[in-house]
C-alpha atoms as a PDB file:
ATOM      1  CA  MET A   1       3.823  32.484  -4.045  1.00  0.00           C
ATOM      2  CA  ASN A   2       6.122  29.581  -4.475  1.00  0.00           C
ATOM      3  CA  ASP A   3       5.252  27.277  -7.404  1.00  0.00           C
ATOM      4  CA  ALA A   4       5.497  24.350  -5.372  1.00  0.00           C
ATOM      5  CA  LYS A   5       3.067  25.983  -2.877  1.00  0.00           C
ATOM      6  CA  ARG A   6       0.537  26.572  -5.493  1.00  0.00           C
ATOM      7  CA  SER A   7       0.564  23.105  -6.796  1.00  0.00           C
ATOM      8  CA  GLY A   8       0.264  21.727  -3.444  1.00  0.00           C
ATOM      9  CA  ILE A   9       3.820  19.628  -3.431  1.00  0.00           C
ATOM     10  CA  LEU A  10       5.288  19.366   0.007  1.00  0.00           C
ATOM     11  CA  LEU A  11       8.372  18.245  -1.101  1.00  0.00           C
ATOM     12  CA  ASP A  12      10.200  18.464  -4.069  1.00  0.00           C
ATOM     13  CA  VAL A  13      13.493  17.102  -4.595  1.00  0.00           C
ATOM     14  CA  SER A  14      15.633  17.495  -7.763  1.00  0.00           C
ATOM     15  CA  ASP A  15      19.059  16.079  -8.536  1.00  0.00           C
ATOM     16  CA  TYR A  16      19.592  15.158  -4.864  1.00  0.00           C
ATOM     17  CA  SER A  17      22.791  13.524  -4.464  1.00  0.00           C
ATOM     18  CA  VAL A  18      24.635  12.328  -1.385  1.00  0.00           C
ATOM     19  CA  GLY A  19      28.126  10.914  -1.055  1.00  0.00           C
ATOM     20  CA  PHE A  20      30.684  10.184   1.698  1.00  0.00           C
ATOM     21  CA  ARG A  21      34.512  10.667   1.614  1.00  0.00           C
ATOM     22  CA  THR A  22      36.291   7.448   2.411  1.00  0.00           C
ATOM     23  CA  GLU A  23      39.904   6.139   2.492  1.00  0.00           C
ATOM     24  CA  ARG A  24      39.245   4.294  -1.013  1.00  0.00           C
ATOM     25  CA  GLY A  25      37.543   7.815  -2.530  1.00  0.00           C
ATOM     26  CA  LEU A  26      34.335   8.937  -2.608  1.00  0.00           C
ATOM     27  CA  ALA A  27      31.247   6.628  -1.935  1.00  0.00           C
ATOM     28  CA  GLN A  28      28.467   7.779  -4.115  1.00  0.00           C
ATOM     29  CA  VAL A  29      25.110   6.633  -2.249  1.00  0.00           C
ATOM     30  CA  VAL A  30      22.238   8.564  -3.604  1.00  0.00           C
ATOM     31  CA  ASP A  31      22.839  10.141  -7.174  1.00  0.00           C
ATOM     32  CA  LYS A  32      20.755  12.926  -8.668  1.00  0.00           C
ATOM     33  CA  VAL A  33      17.662  11.405  -7.518  1.00  0.00           C
ATOM     34  CA  SER A  34      14.434  13.375  -8.272  1.00  0.00           C
ATOM     35  CA  PHE A  35      10.481  13.208  -7.166  1.00  0.00           C
ATOM     36  CA  GLN A  36       7.967  15.119  -5.930  1.00  0.00           C
ATOM     37  CA  LEU A  37       5.521  14.346  -3.036  1.00  0.00           C
ATOM     38  CA  GLU A  38       2.100  16.109  -2.692  1.00  0.00           C
ATOM     39  CA  ARG A  39       0.421  16.963   0.522  1.00  0.00           C
ATOM     40  CA  GLY A  40      -1.440  14.037   2.189  1.00  0.00           C
ATOM     41  CA  SER A  41      -0.175  11.306  -0.348  1.00  0.00           C
ATOM     42  CA  THR A  42       2.101   8.400  -0.041  1.00  0.00           C
ATOM     43  CA  LEU A  43       5.420   7.561  -1.942  1.00  0.00           C
ATOM     44  CA  GLY A  44       6.797   3.935  -1.490  1.00  0.00           C
ATOM     45  CA  ILE A  45      10.463   3.848  -1.662  1.00  0.00           C
ATOM     46  CA  VAL A  46      11.596   0.087  -2.753  1.00  0.00           C
ATOM     47  CA  GLY A  47      14.701  -1.597  -3.204  1.00  0.00           C
ATOM     48  CA  GLU A  48      17.457  -4.199  -2.130  1.00  0.00           C
ATOM     49  CA  SER A  49      19.388  -3.494   1.034  1.00  0.00           C
ATOM     50  CA  GLY A  50      22.184  -0.920  -0.047  1.00  0.00           C
ATOM     51  CA  SER A  51      20.144   0.898  -2.745  1.00  0.00           C
ATOM     52  CA  GLY A  52      20.287   4.370  -0.831  1.00  0.00           C
ATOM     53  CA  LYS A  53      16.864   4.262   0.196  1.00  0.00           C
ATOM     54  CA  SER A  54      17.079   4.956   3.854  1.00  0.00           C
ATOM     55  CA  VAL A  55      20.502   7.289   3.364  1.00  0.00           C
ATOM     56  CA  LEU A  56      18.320   9.466   0.978  1.00  0.00           C
ATOM     57  CA  ASN A  57      15.840   9.980   3.560  1.00  0.00           C
ATOM     58  CA  ARG A  58      18.156  10.401   6.708  1.00  0.00           C
ATOM     59  CA  SER A  59      20.109  12.796   4.430  1.00  0.00           C
ATOM     60  CA  LEU A  60      17.260  14.866   3.653  1.00  0.00           C
ATOM     61  CA  MET A  61      15.967  15.290   7.403  1.00  0.00           C
ATOM     62  CA  GLY A  62      19.716  16.405   8.225  1.00  0.00           C
ATOM     63  CA  LEU A  63      20.345  13.185  10.244  1.00  0.00           C
ATOM     64  CA  LEU A  64      23.631  12.329   8.607  1.00  0.00           C
ATOM     65  CA  SER A  65      25.312  15.680   8.486  1.00  0.00           C
ATOM     66  CA  SER A  66      29.097  15.159   8.980  1.00  0.00           C
ATOM     67  CA  ASN A  67      32.437  16.548   7.669  1.00  0.00           C
ATOM     68  CA  ARG A  68      32.829  13.358   5.374  1.00  0.00           C
ATOM     69  CA  GLN A  69      29.235  13.755   3.767  1.00  0.00           C
ATOM     70  CA  ILE A  70      28.937  15.742   0.438  1.00  0.00           C
ATOM     71  CA  GLU A  71      25.570  16.957  -0.254  1.00  0.00           C
ATOM     72  CA  GLU A  72      24.308  18.410  -3.513  1.00  0.00           C
ATOM     73  CA  GLY A  73      20.992  19.339  -5.288  1.00  0.00           C
ATOM     74  CA  SER A  74      18.065  20.803  -4.452  1.00  0.00           C
ATOM     75  CA  ALA A  75      15.378  19.610  -1.784  1.00  0.00           C
ATOM     76  CA  LEU A  76      12.423  22.069  -1.302  1.00  0.00           C
ATOM     77  CA  PHE A  77      10.194  21.492   1.925  1.00  0.00           C
ATOM     78  CA  ASP A  78       6.884  23.917   1.404  1.00  0.00           C
ATOM     79  CA  GLY A  79       9.171  26.038  -0.750  1.00  0.00           C
ATOM     80  CA  GLU A  80      12.035  26.031   1.704  1.00  0.00           C
ATOM     81  CA  GLN A  81      15.302  24.600   0.525  1.00  0.00           C
ATOM     82  CA  LEU A  82      16.603  21.772   2.934  1.00  0.00           C
ATOM     83  CA  VAL A  83      20.022  21.409   1.352  1.00  0.00           C
ATOM     84  CA  GLY A  84      22.961  23.314   3.255  1.00  0.00           C
ATOM     85  CA  SER A  85      20.447  24.227   6.124  1.00  0.00           C
ATOM     86  CA  ASP A  86      20.274  23.260   9.416  1.00  0.00           C
ATOM     87  CA  ARG A  87      17.405  21.138   9.493  1.00  0.00           C
ATOM     88  CA  GLN A  88      16.550  20.902  13.085  1.00  0.00           C
ATOM     89  CA  SER A  89      13.812  23.411  13.345  1.00  0.00           C
ATOM     90  CA  PHE A  90      11.889  20.934  10.869  1.00  0.00           C
ATOM     91  CA  TRP A  91      12.182  17.782  13.113  1.00  0.00           C
ATOM     92  CA  GLY A  92       9.361  16.401  15.047  1.00  0.00           C
ATOM     93  CA  LYS A  93       6.731  19.789  14.333  1.00  0.00           C
ATOM     94  CA  ARG A  94       6.874  19.762  10.372  1.00  0.00           C
ATOM     95  CA  ILE A  95       8.812  16.360   9.388  1.00  0.00           C
ATOM     96  CA  GLY A  96       8.666  13.204  11.711  1.00  0.00           C
ATOM     97  CA  MET A  97      10.472   9.796  11.386  1.00  0.00           C
ATOM     98  CA  ILE A  98       9.668   6.240  12.403  1.00  0.00           C
ATOM     99  CA  PHE A  99      13.100   4.245  12.357  1.00  0.00           C
ATOM    100  CA  GLN A 100      13.458   0.698  11.328  1.00  0.00           C
ATOM    101  CA  ASP A 101      14.314  -0.662  14.717  1.00  0.00           C
ATOM    102  CA  PRO A 102      12.477   0.529  18.112  1.00  0.00           C
ATOM    103  CA  MET A 103      14.664  -1.130  20.586  1.00  0.00           C
ATOM    104  CA  THR A 104      17.853   0.894  18.707  1.00  0.00           C
ATOM    105  CA  SER A 105      16.049   3.989  18.633  1.00  0.00           C
ATOM    106  CA  LEU A 106      14.212   4.377  22.028  1.00  0.00           C
ATOM    107  CA  ASN A 107      16.635   5.442  24.728  1.00  0.00           C
ATOM    108  CA  PRO A 108      16.769   1.945  26.435  1.00  0.00           C
ATOM    109  CA  VAL A 109      17.537   3.809  30.148  1.00  0.00           C
ATOM    110  CA  MET A 110      14.709   6.393  29.933  1.00  0.00           C
ATOM    111  CA  ARG A 111      11.042   5.924  30.240  1.00  0.00           C
ATOM    112  CA  ILE A 112       8.517   5.875  27.740  1.00  0.00           C
ATOM    113  CA  GLY A 113       6.930   9.022  29.591  1.00  0.00           C
ATOM    114  CA  ARG A 114       9.793  11.206  29.500  1.00  0.00           C
ATOM    115  CA  GLN A 115      10.591  10.357  25.544  1.00  0.00           C
ATOM    116  CA  LEU A 116       7.292  11.270  24.283  1.00  0.00           C
ATOM    117  CA  LEU A 117       6.792  14.233  26.730  1.00  0.00           C
ATOM    118  CA  GLU A 118      10.264  15.703  25.546  1.00  0.00           C
ATOM    119  CA  PRO A 119       8.991  16.410  22.120  1.00  0.00           C
ATOM    120  CA  LEU A 120       5.699  17.527  23.053  1.00  0.00           C
ATOM    121  CA  GLN A 121       7.155  19.943  25.449  1.00  0.00           C
ATOM    122  CA  GLN A 122       9.441  21.359  22.693  1.00  0.00           C
ATOM    123  CA  HIS A 123       7.479  21.301  19.501  1.00  0.00           C
ATOM    124  CA  LEU A 124       4.238  22.111  20.858  1.00  0.00           C
ATOM    125  CA  SER A 125       5.481  24.445  24.084  1.00  0.00           C
ATOM    126  CA  LEU A 126       3.139  22.309  26.268  1.00  0.00           C
ATOM    127  CA  ASN A 127       3.632  22.075  30.070  1.00  0.00           C
ATOM    128  CA  LYS A 128       4.309  18.983  31.822  1.00  0.00           C
ATOM    129  CA  GLN A 129       0.594  18.236  32.813  1.00  0.00           C
ATOM    130  CA  GLN A 130      -0.667  19.141  29.185  1.00  0.00           C
ATOM    131  CA  ALA A 131       2.364  17.200  27.844  1.00  0.00           C
ATOM    132  CA  THR A 132       1.069  13.719  29.747  1.00  0.00           C
ATOM    133  CA  GLU A 133      -2.484  14.237  29.227  1.00  0.00           C
ATOM    134  CA  ARG A 134      -1.327  14.312  25.266  1.00  0.00           C
ATOM    135  CA  ALA A 135       1.039  11.658  25.655  1.00  0.00           C
ATOM    136  CA  ILE A 136      -1.819   9.467  26.739  1.00  0.00           C
ATOM    137  CA  GLU A 137      -4.195  10.694  24.097  1.00  0.00           C
ATOM    138  CA  LEU A 138      -1.191   9.562  21.602  1.00  0.00           C
ATOM    139  CA  LEU A 139      -0.674   6.200  23.334  1.00  0.00           C
ATOM    140  CA  THR A 140      -4.296   5.386  23.166  1.00  0.00           C
ATOM    141  CA  GLN A 141      -4.431   6.317  19.547  1.00  0.00           C
ATOM    142  CA  VAL A 142      -1.693   4.260  18.578  1.00  0.00           C
ATOM    143  CA  GLY A 143      -3.426   1.252  20.210  1.00  0.00           C
ATOM    144  CA  ILE A 144      -1.523   0.866  23.503  1.00  0.00           C
ATOM    145  CA  PRO A 145      -3.592  -0.309  26.259  1.00  0.00           C
ATOM    146  CA  GLU A 146      -3.265   0.846  29.928  1.00  0.00           C
ATOM    147  CA  PRO A 147      -1.498   4.326  28.607  1.00  0.00           C
ATOM    148  CA  LYS A 148      -0.851   5.871  32.118  1.00  0.00           C
ATOM    149  CA  ARG A 149       1.143   2.461  33.204  1.00  0.00           C
ATOM    150  CA  ARG A 150       3.060   2.598  29.967  1.00  0.00           C
ATOM    151  CA  LEU A 151       4.409   6.154  30.580  1.00  0.00           C
ATOM    152  CA  ARG A 152       6.366   4.760  33.570  1.00  0.00           C
ATOM    153  CA  GLN A 153       7.750   1.921  31.657  1.00  0.00           C
ATOM    154  CA  TYR A 154      11.159   1.115  29.687  1.00  0.00           C
ATOM    155  CA  PRO A 155      11.380   0.047  26.310  1.00  0.00           C
ATOM    156  CA  HIS A 156      12.367  -3.289  27.280  1.00  0.00           C
ATOM    157  CA  GLU A 157       9.329  -3.925  29.438  1.00  0.00           C
ATOM    158  CA  LEU A 158       7.214  -3.575  26.108  1.00  0.00           C
ATOM    159  CA  SER A 159       6.986  -6.160  23.284  1.00  0.00           C
ATOM    160  CA  GLY A 160       8.206  -5.292  19.822  1.00  0.00           C
ATOM    161  CA  GLY A 161       4.935  -4.187  18.377  1.00  0.00           C
ATOM    162  CA  MET A 162       4.412  -1.953  21.425  1.00  0.00           C
ATOM    163  CA  ARG A 163       7.738  -0.253  21.129  1.00  0.00           C
ATOM    164  CA  GLN A 164       6.835   0.106  17.421  1.00  0.00           C
ATOM    165  CA  ARG A 165       3.646   1.876  18.210  1.00  0.00           C
ATOM    166  CA  VAL A 166       5.300   4.054  20.685  1.00  0.00           C
ATOM    167  CA  MET A 167       7.874   5.344  17.970  1.00  0.00           C
ATOM    168  CA  ILE A 168       4.805   6.040  15.886  1.00  0.00           C
ATOM    169  CA  ALA A 169       3.396   8.257  18.803  1.00  0.00           C
ATOM    170  CA  ILE A 170       6.436  10.107  19.183  1.00  0.00           C
ATOM    171  CA  ALA A 171       6.772  10.573  15.532  1.00  0.00           C
ATOM    172  CA  LEU A 172       3.147  12.162  15.386  1.00  0.00           C
ATOM    173  CA  ALA A 173       3.592  13.904  18.769  1.00  0.00           C
ATOM    174  CA  GLY A 174       4.324  17.268  16.728  1.00  0.00           C
ATOM    175  CA  GLU A 175       1.600  16.522  14.008  1.00  0.00           C
ATOM    176  CA  PRO A 176       4.043  16.635  11.300  1.00  0.00           C
ATOM    177  CA  GLU A 177       3.354  17.437   7.745  1.00  0.00           C
ATOM    178  CA  LEU A 178       5.429  14.832   6.573  1.00  0.00           C
ATOM    179  CA  LEU A 179       6.078  11.342   8.125  1.00  0.00           C
ATOM    180  CA  ILE A 180       8.960   9.290   6.860  1.00  0.00           C
ATOM    181  CA  ALA A 181       8.369   5.798   7.888  1.00  0.00           C
ATOM    182  CA  ASP A 182      12.029   3.551   7.243  1.00  0.00           C
ATOM    183  CA  GLU A 183      10.897  -0.224   6.897  1.00  0.00           C
ATOM    184  CA  PRO A 184       8.303   0.399   9.945  1.00  0.00           C
ATOM    185  CA  THR A 185       7.187  -3.179  10.138  1.00  0.00           C
ATOM    186  CA  THR A 186      10.538  -5.308   9.271  1.00  0.00           C
ATOM    187  CA  ALA A 187      10.950  -6.720  12.824  1.00  0.00           C
ATOM    188  CA  LEU A 188       7.335  -7.358  13.366  1.00  0.00           C
ATOM    189  CA  ASP A 189       5.216 -10.809  12.938  1.00  0.00           C
ATOM    190  CA  VAL A 190       2.811 -10.451   9.723  1.00  0.00           C
ATOM    191  CA  THR A 191      -0.519  -9.771  12.144  1.00  0.00           C
ATOM    192  CA  VAL A 192       1.243  -7.102  13.969  1.00  0.00           C
ATOM    193  CA  GLN A 193       2.552  -5.559  10.509  1.00  0.00           C
ATOM    194  CA  LYS A 194      -0.932  -5.257   9.310  1.00  0.00           C
ATOM    195  CA  TYR A 195      -2.189  -3.357  12.432  1.00  0.00           C
ATOM    196  CA  ILE A 196       0.722  -1.003  12.552  1.00  0.00           C
ATOM    197  CA  LEU A 197       0.012  -0.195   8.450  1.00  0.00           C
ATOM    198  CA  ASP A 198      -3.515   0.158   9.081  1.00  0.00           C
ATOM    199  CA  LEU A 199      -2.757   2.617  11.825  1.00  0.00           C
ATOM    200  CA  LEU A 200      -0.567   4.884   9.942  1.00  0.00           C
ATOM    201  CA  ALA A 201      -3.408   4.649   6.961  1.00  0.00           C
ATOM    202  CA  GLU A 202      -5.913   5.978   9.580  1.00  0.00           C
ATOM    203  CA  LEU A 203      -3.668   8.223  11.306  1.00  0.00           C
ATOM    204  CA  GLN A 204      -2.480   9.866   8.062  1.00  0.00           C
ATOM    205  CA  ALA A 205      -6.076  10.335   7.116  1.00  0.00           C
ATOM    206  CA  ASP A 206      -6.855  12.070  10.347  1.00  0.00           C
ATOM    207  CA  ILE A 207      -3.859  14.695  10.289  1.00  0.00           C
ATOM    208  CA  GLY A 208      -3.788  14.884   6.555  1.00  0.00           C
ATOM    209  CA  MET A 209       0.040  14.666   6.375  1.00  0.00           C
ATOM    210  CA  ALA A 210       2.109  12.968   3.321  1.00  0.00           C
ATOM    211  CA  VAL A 211       4.027   9.834   3.820  1.00  0.00           C
ATOM    212  CA  VAL A 212       7.295   8.284   2.804  1.00  0.00           C
ATOM    213  CA  LEU A 213       7.332   4.497   3.213  1.00  0.00           C
ATOM    214  CA  ILE A 214      10.614   2.976   2.741  1.00  0.00           C
ATOM    215  CA  THR A 215      10.222  -0.866   2.421  1.00  0.00           C
ATOM    216  CA  HIS A 216      11.867  -4.017   0.533  1.00  0.00           C
ATOM    217  CA  ASP A 217       8.741  -5.425   0.469  1.00  0.00           C
ATOM    218  CA  LEU A 218       6.782  -4.818  -3.050  1.00  0.00           C
ATOM    219  CA  GLY A 219       3.577  -6.198  -1.589  1.00  0.00           C
ATOM    220  CA  VAL A 220       3.404  -3.454   0.897  1.00  0.00           C
ATOM    221  CA  ALA A 221       4.233  -0.683  -1.177  1.00  0.00           C
ATOM    222  CA  ARG A 222       1.652  -1.967  -3.900  1.00  0.00           C
ATOM    223  CA  GLY A 223      -1.296  -1.614  -1.354  1.00  0.00           C
ATOM    224  CA  ARG A 224      -0.267   1.236   0.944  1.00  0.00           C
ATOM    225  CA  THR A 225       1.170   4.137  -1.402  1.00  0.00           C
ATOM    226  CA  ASP A 226      -0.067   6.471  -4.192  1.00  0.00           C
ATOM    227  CA  ASP A 227       3.521   6.107  -6.283  1.00  0.00           C
ATOM    228  CA  ILE A 228       6.488   3.888  -5.973  1.00  0.00           C
ATOM    229  CA  MET A 229      10.064   4.920  -6.302  1.00  0.00           C
ATOM    230  CA  VAL A 230      12.291   2.146  -7.282  1.00  0.00           C
ATOM    231  CA  MET A 231      15.953   2.758  -6.246  1.00  0.00           C
ATOM    232  CA  TYR A 232      19.072   0.708  -7.134  1.00  0.00           C
ATOM    233  CA  GLY A 233      22.814   1.701  -6.795  1.00  0.00           C
ATOM    234  CA  GLY A 234      21.844   5.141  -5.383  1.00  0.00           C
ATOM    235  CA  ARG A 235      19.864   6.101  -8.426  1.00  0.00           C
ATOM    236  CA  THR A 236      15.932   6.060  -9.741  1.00  0.00           C
ATOM    237  CA  MET A 237      15.355   3.102 -11.879  1.00  0.00           C
ATOM    238  CA  GLU A 238      11.685   3.482 -12.199  1.00  0.00           C
ATOM    239  CA  LEU A 239       9.045   6.214 -10.842  1.00  0.00           C
ATOM    240  CA  ALA A 240       5.268   5.407 -11.375  1.00  0.00           C
ATOM    241  CA  PRO A 241       1.923   5.441  -9.979  1.00  0.00           C
ATOM    242  CA  SER A 242       1.635   2.342  -7.749  1.00  0.00           C
ATOM    243  CA  GLU A 243      -0.773   0.105  -9.557  1.00  0.00           C
ATOM    244  CA  LYS A 244       1.001   1.203 -12.744  1.00  0.00           C
ATOM    245  CA  LEU A 245       4.451   0.086 -11.722  1.00  0.00           C
ATOM    246  CA  PHE A 246       2.999  -3.315 -11.139  1.00  0.00           C
ATOM    247  CA  THR A 247       0.465  -3.690 -14.281  1.00  0.00           C
ATOM    248  CA  ASP A 248       2.951  -2.159 -16.889  1.00  0.00           C
ATOM    249  CA  MET A 249       6.454  -2.114 -15.161  1.00  0.00           C
ATOM    250  CA  SER A 250       9.359  -0.806 -17.573  1.00  0.00           C
ATOM    251  CA  HIS A 251      12.651  -1.332 -15.843  1.00  0.00           C
ATOM    252  CA  PRO A 252      14.476  -4.711 -15.860  1.00  0.00           C
ATOM    253  CA  TYR A 253      15.392  -4.280 -11.978  1.00  0.00           C
ATOM    254  CA  THR A 254      11.785  -3.899 -11.046  1.00  0.00           C
ATOM    255  CA  GLN A 255      10.887  -7.160 -13.081  1.00  0.00           C
ATOM    256  CA  ALA A 256      13.882  -8.866 -11.384  1.00  0.00           C
ATOM    257  CA  LEU A 257      12.635  -7.711  -8.010  1.00  0.00           C
ATOM    258  CA  PHE A 258       8.969  -8.783  -8.906  1.00  0.00           C
ATOM    259  CA  SER A 259      10.305 -12.315 -10.110  1.00  0.00           C
ATOM    260  CA  ALA A 260      12.448 -12.637  -6.576  1.00  0.00           C
ATOM    261  CA  ILE A 261       9.086 -12.474  -4.360  1.00  0.00           C
ATOM    262  CA  PRO A 262       6.770 -15.286  -3.494  1.00  0.00           C
ATOM    263  CA  ARG A 263       3.124 -14.058  -4.595  1.00  0.00           C
ATOM    264  CA  VAL A 264      -0.402 -15.368  -3.507  1.00  0.00           C
ATOM    265  CA  ASP A 265      -1.774 -16.027  -6.947  1.00  0.00           C
ATOM    266  CA  GLN A 266       1.487 -18.290  -7.706  1.00  0.00           C
ATOM    267  CA  PRO A 267       0.872 -22.207  -7.497  1.00  0.00           C
ATOM    268  CA  LYS A 268       2.678 -23.884  -4.558  1.00  0.00           C
ATOM    269  CA  HIS A 269       6.413 -24.801  -4.704  1.00  0.00           C
ATOM    270  CA  THR A 270       6.844 -22.095  -7.831  1.00  0.00           C
ATOM    271  CA  ARG A 271      10.302 -21.443  -7.848  1.00  0.00           C
ATOM    272  CA  LEU A 272      11.629 -17.895  -7.387  1.00  0.00           C
ATOM    273  CA  THR A 273      14.272 -16.163  -9.672  1.00  0.00           C
ATOM    274  CA  PRO A 274      16.960 -14.814  -7.675  1.00  0.00           C
ATOM    275  CA  ILE A 275      18.957 -11.695  -8.857  1.00  0.00           C
ATOM    276  CA  ALA A 276      22.256 -12.786 -10.056  1.00  0.00           C
ATOM    277  CA  GLY A 277      25.194 -11.088  -8.623  1.00  0.00           C
ATOM    278  CA  ALA A 278      25.456  -7.871  -6.105  1.00  0.00           C
ATOM    279  CA  SER A 279      24.739  -4.224  -5.580  1.00  0.00           C
ATOM    280  CA  PRO A 280      27.488  -1.992  -7.078  1.00  0.00           C
ATOM    281  CA  ASP A 281      30.025  -0.874  -5.079  1.00  0.00           C
ATOM    282  CA  PRO A 282      29.521   3.063  -4.348  1.00  0.00           C
ATOM    283  CA  VAL A 283      33.189   3.861  -4.772  1.00  0.00           C
ATOM    284  CA  GLU A 284      33.796   2.345  -7.896  1.00  0.00           C
ATOM    285  CA  PRO A 285      30.373   1.683  -9.216  1.00  0.00           C
ATOM    286  CA  PRO A 286      29.886   0.275 -12.884  1.00  0.00           C
ATOM    287  CA  THR A 287      30.166   2.619 -15.992  1.00  0.00           C
ATOM    288  CA  GLY A 288      26.874   3.085 -17.916  1.00  0.00           C
ATOM    289  CA  CYS A 289      23.705   1.631 -16.301  1.00  0.00           C
ATOM    290  CA  ARG A 290      24.368   0.517 -12.683  1.00  0.00           C
ATOM    291  CA  PHE A 291      22.229  -2.727 -13.115  1.00  0.00           C
ATOM    292  CA  SER A 292      23.821  -3.679 -16.323  1.00  0.00           C
ATOM    293  CA  PRO A 293      26.088  -6.377 -14.857  1.00  0.00           C
ATOM    294  CA  ARG A 294      23.090  -8.046 -13.405  1.00  0.00           C
ATOM    295  CA  CYS A 295      20.814  -7.258 -16.302  1.00  0.00           C
ATOM    296  CA  VAL A 296      19.459 -10.041 -18.528  1.00  0.00           C
ATOM    297  CA  TYR A 297      18.750  -7.425 -21.217  1.00  0.00           C
ATOM    298  CA  ALA A 298      22.279  -5.641 -21.187  1.00  0.00           C
ATOM    299  CA  GLN A 299      23.730  -4.697 -24.341  1.00  0.00           C
ATOM    300  CA  ASP A 300      27.038  -2.732 -25.228  1.00  0.00           C
ATOM    301  CA  ASP A 301      25.473   0.839 -24.800  1.00  0.00           C
ATOM    302  CA  CYS A 302      24.463  -0.165 -21.420  1.00  0.00           C
ATOM    303  CA  THR A 303      28.155  -0.565 -20.176  1.00  0.00           C
ATOM    304  CA  THR A 304      29.324   2.973 -21.520  1.00  0.00           C
ATOM    305  CA  THR A 305      26.026   5.271 -21.270  1.00  0.00           C
ATOM    306  CA  LEU A 306      24.251   5.990 -18.230  1.00  0.00           C
ATOM    307  CA  PRO A 307      20.384   6.100 -19.218  1.00  0.00           C
ATOM    308  CA  GLU A 308      18.442   9.278 -17.988  1.00  0.00           C
ATOM    309  CA  VAL A 309      15.338   8.890 -16.063  1.00  0.00           C
ATOM    310  CA  GLU A 310      12.226   9.965 -18.271  1.00  0.00           C
ATOM    311  CA  GLY A 311       8.710   8.756 -19.399  1.00  0.00           C
ATOM    312  CA  PRO A 312       5.305   9.964 -20.184  1.00  0.00           C
ATOM    313  CA  ASP A 313       2.175  10.628 -17.916  1.00  0.00           C
ATOM    314  CA  GLY A 314       4.155  10.467 -14.258  1.00  0.00           C
ATOM    315  CA  HIS A 315       5.552   6.543 -15.367  1.00  0.00           C
ATOM    316  CA  GLN A 316       9.524   7.427 -15.739  1.00  0.00           C
ATOM    317  CA  PHE A 317      12.417   4.894 -16.266  1.00  0.00           C
ATOM    318  CA  ALA A 318      16.130   4.877 -17.005  1.00  0.00           C
ATOM    319  CA  CYS A 319      16.495   2.031 -19.240  1.00  0.00           C
ATOM    320  CA  PHE A 320      17.246   1.738 -23.008  1.00  0.00           C
ATOM    321  CA  TYR A 321      15.497  -1.513 -23.424  1.00  0.00           C
ATOM    322  CA  PRO A 322      12.248  -1.145 -21.332  1.00  0.00           C
ATOM    323  CA  VAL A 323      10.389  -4.347 -20.350  1.00  0.00           C
ATOM    324  CA  GLY A 324       7.767  -5.293 -22.907  1.00  0.00           C
ATOM    325  CA  THR A 325       8.861  -3.492 -26.158  1.00  0.00           C
ATOM    326  CA  ALA A 326      10.637  -4.804 -29.065  1.00  0.00           C
ATOM    327  CA  ALA A 327      13.876  -3.581 -28.342  1.00  0.00           C
ATOM    328  CA  SER A 328      14.075  -5.636 -24.900  1.00  0.00           C
ATOM    329  CA  VAL A 329      12.675  -8.765 -26.862  1.00  0.00           C
ATOM    330  CA  GLN A 330      15.411  -8.452 -29.398  1.00  0.00           C
ATOM    331  CA  ALA A 331      17.934  -7.746 -26.765  1.00  0.00           C
ATOM    332  CA  ARG A 332      17.063 -10.784 -24.665  1.00  0.00           C
ATOM    333  CA  ALA A 333      17.141 -12.891 -27.994  1.00  0.00           C
ATOM    334  CA  THR A 334      20.888 -11.470 -28.510  1.00  0.00           C
ATOM    335  CA  ASN A 335      21.982 -12.596 -25.375  1.00  0.00           C
ATOM    336  CA  ILE A 336      20.437 -15.828 -25.222  1.00  0.00           C
ATOM    337  CA  GLU A 337      21.985 -16.437 -28.618  1.00  0.00           C
ATOM    338  CA  ARG A 338      25.664 -15.688 -27.793  1.00  0.00           C
ATOM    339  CA  GLY A 339      25.028 -17.108 -24.123  1.00  0.00           C
ATOM    340  CA  HIS A 340      25.868 -14.333 -22.269  1.00  0.00           C
ATOM    341  CA  THR A 341      25.093 -10.174 -22.138  1.00  0.00           C
ATOM    342  CA  ALA A 342      27.366  -7.363 -23.056  1.00  0.00           C
ATOM    343  CA  THR A 343      28.562  -7.267 -19.235  1.00  0.00           C
ATOM    344  CA  GLY A 344      29.069 -11.369 -19.306  1.00  0.00           C
ATOM    345  CA  LEU A 345      26.391 -12.569 -17.553  1.00  0.00           C
ATOM    346  CA  LYS A 346      25.567 -15.926 -18.574  1.00  0.00           C
ATOM    347  CA  ILE A 347      22.059 -16.296 -20.105  1.00  0.00           C
ATOM    348  CA  LYS A 348      19.981 -19.703 -20.692  1.00  0.00           C
ATOM    349  CA  ALA A 349      16.939 -20.016 -23.027  1.00  0.00           C
ATOM    350  CA  VAL A 350      13.820 -20.150 -21.071  1.00  0.00           C
ATOM    351  CA  GLY A 351      13.153 -23.812 -20.147  1.00  0.00           C
ATOM    352  CA  THR A 352      16.772 -25.169 -20.000  1.00  0.00           C
ATOM    353  CA  ASN A 353      18.747 -26.152 -17.066  1.00  0.00           C
END
């Protein structure tokens, strides 16, 4: 038996890379990412827009394949290699996906019933009557009232929260082993967000599926995942058990993300610290660490050498000057003294304007 099956690992990704040929050259959007996801567990993937989160997961599903795409590395799903294979056989029945915007993901000219019945008939080989009964059950399960009437409606007749619940029902129609949720609550108000996330947790427990939750919201990731992977510039910056990431974060980018979001334990009118600069160009990324141009700790070696992702006890990070170490304290002091980092980012002492 395959080692991945023996250990309970459902998805085993190793040195996985995705690039696209462009007129300017190769855009390396995902660069040697590695992680493992156990059955029934949840991995959160966080990072700014353009960090590679969505491309990573859409490419793993085979949704981005084209003659411009270059895919390398390994991605084993239940011991089967995804890279270089036709992944349509995995869609629906083994891997489901909830997309970020249900209004653009649902077919606007097709009734909800047809969009829900098709995967049920295709993946579970149900006849129309059986598929209709199962569709009603699914809509009821995801909290949609009057499910029979909803089957006859079009997406534009439903609210944003209702459309997202329909997307969840479609994704779960084949009772997949893995659910990829790409920013599933971004366009929803806070109360609906909580309902959707609670619903996903309940359904996960019932079905026993693994979940990859892609989000830019660290607060959501903290309370809803077992492990969190922080991505930047297509690379893994840090990977750790969720609570450990917050209590013992090691990468400067993780620290910068945390400092840029409001927290309930902060006093009112607390000034947030934005991350200076912009995300790297995937065609011409900086040499060395991808985050070095925006990092307050950056030293000369950060600009020339790409740090490996490593660390003990399931807590891995790619940094020469991890947060909270003597090395990072000295690096910050050096940068404050000279007024800038090795990449030219201006640095001020704490408390100065």
